[in-house]
């Protein structure tokens, strides 16, 4: 189930800020009650029930997104980078990527060498776009001079 948006409604009244002070019988102690006049719309209350409902809907939507994640691997080949100056670009095949925006996380694989990690960091790699089963990355720093194996996690509807 996708996240369902609740349309919250404001309370509308004739005198929204008017309050009445009722004496409690104790010196300088009063109860404050609304004296808003005609109330045309009750509106939604900000209370535990509504806030807990919001938390539950967010949690369900988040868990659904996480459950629909997929992982893939690819390699950023030295020969695949294009451009004569930064940002350099590379497009790699990533099964499960879609043409519409999806949350994608990319980093070197756990078995990447120290040199590959150093090249990744020096390149300042960021997302540049996505297509059906492809991902474009940009390097704002140094053009990598070593192949970098990457792990890709795609979050969201990957069906």
Protein backbone atom coordinates (compact mmCIF):
# COMPACT_ATOMS: atom_id res chain seq x y z
CA UNK A 1 0.00 0.00 0.00
CA UNK A 2 1.41 3.38 -0.97
CA UNK A 3 1.46 6.25 1.47
CA UNK A 4 -2.01 7.79 1.73
CA UNK A 5 -2.05 11.54 2.03
CA UNK A 6 -4.45 12.99 4.57
CA UNK A 7 -5.89 16.38 3.72
CA UNK A 8 -5.91 18.26 7.00
CA UNK A 9 -8.67 20.82 7.56
CA UNK A 10 -8.24 24.01 9.60
CA UNK A 11 -10.79 25.02 12.22
CA UNK A 12 -12.73 28.05 11.01
CA UNK A 13 -14.55 30.31 13.42
CA UNK A 14 -15.88 33.84 13.72
CA UNK A 15 -13.30 34.89 16.34
CA UNK A 16 -10.46 32.32 16.24
CA UNK A 17 -8.26 33.98 18.88
CA UNK A 18 -10.95 34.96 21.40
CA UNK A 19 -10.86 33.28 24.82
CA UNK A 20 -12.89 33.75 27.98
CA UNK A 21 -11.39 33.84 31.49
CA UNK A 22 -13.56 32.02 34.05
CA UNK A 23 -12.81 32.57 37.71
CA UNK A 24 -11.96 29.44 39.67
CA UNK A 25 -12.69 31.06 43.03
CA UNK A 26 -8.97 31.18 43.84
CA UNK A 27 -7.31 34.59 43.75
CA UNK A 28 -5.70 35.36 40.37
CA UNK A 29 -6.49 31.86 39.02
CA UNK A 30 -8.67 31.41 35.93
CA UNK A 31 -9.79 28.73 33.53
CA UNK A 32 -9.45 29.67 29.88
CA UNK A 33 -12.19 28.57 27.48
CA UNK A 34 -12.77 29.26 23.80
CA UNK A 35 -15.13 32.08 22.93
CA UNK A 36 -14.78 31.87 19.15
CA UNK A 37 -18.34 32.70 18.23
CA UNK A 38 -19.83 30.79 15.31
CA UNK A 39 -17.67 27.78 14.29
CA UNK A 40 -18.22 27.02 10.60
CA UNK A 41 -15.70 24.15 10.29
CA UNK A 42 -14.53 22.02 13.23
CA UNK A 43 -11.25 21.08 11.54
CA UNK A 44 -8.83 18.31 12.42
CA UNK A 45 -7.45 18.14 15.92
CA UNK A 46 -3.75 17.78 16.53
CA UNK A 47 -3.90 15.01 19.07
CA UNK A 48 -2.33 11.65 19.85
CA UNK A 49 -4.79 9.70 17.70
CA UNK A 50 -4.16 11.78 14.55
CA UNK A 51 -0.39 11.98 15.11
CA UNK A 52 -0.13 8.23 15.78
CA UNK A 53 -2.12 7.56 12.59
CA UNK A 54 0.35 9.75 10.67
CA UNK A 55 3.32 7.91 12.21
CA UNK A 56 1.79 4.54 11.30
CA UNK A 57 1.15 5.55 7.69
CA UNK A 58 4.69 6.89 7.31
CA UNK A 59 6.15 3.73 8.84
CA UNK A 60 4.10 1.46 6.56
CA UNK A 61 5.10 3.43 3.47
CA UNK A 62 8.77 3.41 4.51
CA UNK A 63 8.78 -0.32 5.21
CA UNK A 64 7.05 -1.00 1.91
CA UNK A 65 9.76 1.00 0.10
CA UNK A 66 12.57 -0.80 1.93
CA UNK A 67 10.94 -4.18 1.22
CA UNK A 68 10.88 -3.31 -2.48
CA UNK A 69 14.60 -2.71 -2.75
CA UNK A 70 16.89 -4.62 -5.06
CA UNK A 71 20.64 -4.80 -5.35
CA UNK A 72 22.91 -5.06 -8.34
CA UNK A 73 26.60 -4.74 -9.10
CA UNK A 74 28.44 -3.18 -11.98
CA UNK A 75 31.90 -1.83 -12.74
CA UNK A 76 32.94 1.69 -13.59
CA UNK A 77 35.47 0.91 -16.30
CA UNK A 78 38.29 3.38 -16.84
CA UNK A 79 37.53 3.30 -20.57
CA UNK A 80 33.87 4.17 -20.00
CA UNK A 81 34.34 7.71 -18.71
CA UNK A 82 33.60 10.50 -21.20
CA UNK A 83 34.48 14.18 -21.18
CA UNK A 84 37.74 16.11 -21.31
CA UNK A 85 37.14 17.93 -18.02
CA UNK A 86 34.93 17.54 -14.97
CA UNK A 87 32.23 16.60 -14.67
CA UNK A 88 33.15 13.36 -16.43
CA UNK A 89 30.28 10.94 -17.07
CA UNK A 90 29.79 7.22 -17.35
CA UNK A 91 26.69 5.15 -18.04
CA UNK A 92 26.57 1.59 -16.72
CA UNK A 93 24.09 -1.23 -17.02
CA UNK A 94 22.10 -1.74 -13.79
CA UNK A 95 19.28 -4.26 -13.92
CA UNK A 96 16.22 -2.88 -12.14
CA UNK A 97 16.89 0.81 -12.72
CA UNK A 98 13.93 2.69 -14.19
CA UNK A 99 13.62 5.80 -16.28
CA UNK A 100 11.59 7.64 -13.63
CA UNK A 101 13.39 8.93 -10.52
CA UNK A 102 14.06 6.27 -7.90
CA UNK A 103 16.21 6.38 -4.79
CA UNK A 104 19.49 4.76 -5.79
CA UNK A 105 22.53 4.28 -3.56
CA UNK A 106 25.93 3.59 -5.11
CA UNK A 107 29.29 2.84 -3.54
CA UNK A 108 32.27 0.61 -4.19
CA UNK A 109 31.67 -3.05 -3.38
CA UNK A 110 32.87 -4.48 -0.08
CA UNK A 111 35.72 -6.27 -1.86
CA UNK A 112 37.00 -3.09 -3.55
CA UNK A 113 40.69 -2.43 -2.94
CA UNK A 114 42.08 0.57 -1.12
CA UNK A 115 43.18 2.01 -4.47
CA UNK A 116 39.65 1.67 -5.87
CA UNK A 117 38.18 3.37 -2.79
CA UNK A 118 40.76 6.16 -3.12
CA UNK A 119 39.84 6.65 -6.79
CA UNK A 120 36.12 6.73 -5.83
CA UNK A 121 36.73 9.42 -3.20
CA UNK A 122 39.01 11.50 -5.46
CA UNK A 123 36.41 11.42 -8.24
CA UNK A 124 33.58 12.89 -6.10
CA UNK A 125 31.08 10.66 -7.88
CA UNK A 126 27.40 11.60 -7.84
CA UNK A 127 24.22 10.63 -9.65
CA UNK A 128 23.67 12.00 -13.11
CA UNK A 129 20.48 10.29 -14.21
CA UNK A 130 18.86 6.95 -14.76
CA UNK A 131 17.17 5.06 -17.51
CA UNK A 132 15.64 1.65 -17.95
CA UNK A 133 18.32 -0.73 -16.64
CA UNK A 134 21.00 1.98 -16.79
CA UNK A 135 22.55 4.53 -14.47
CA UNK A 136 24.61 7.58 -15.35
CA UNK A 137 27.16 8.81 -12.85
CA UNK A 138 29.19 12.01 -12.86
CA UNK A 139 32.67 12.60 -11.47
CA UNK A 140 33.23 16.17 -10.31
CA UNK A 141 36.83 15.49 -9.25
CA UNK A 142 39.51 13.36 -10.86
CA UNK A 143 38.62 11.02 -13.72
CA UNK A 144 39.14 7.52 -12.27
CA UNK A 145 42.21 5.81 -13.71
CA UNK A 146 41.29 2.43 -12.24
CA UNK A 147 38.21 0.23 -12.71
CA UNK A 148 35.87 0.52 -9.70
CA UNK A 149 33.43 -2.28 -8.84
CA UNK A 150 30.20 -0.78 -7.48
CA UNK A 151 27.24 -2.04 -5.47
CA UNK A 152 23.92 -0.44 -6.38
CA UNK A 153 20.81 -0.49 -4.21
CA UNK A 154 17.56 0.63 -5.80
CA UNK A 155 14.83 1.54 -3.31
CA UNK A 156 11.17 1.84 -4.19
CA UNK A 157 8.93 0.14 -6.69
CA UNK A 158 11.31 -2.10 -8.61
CA UNK A 159 8.69 -4.46 -10.02
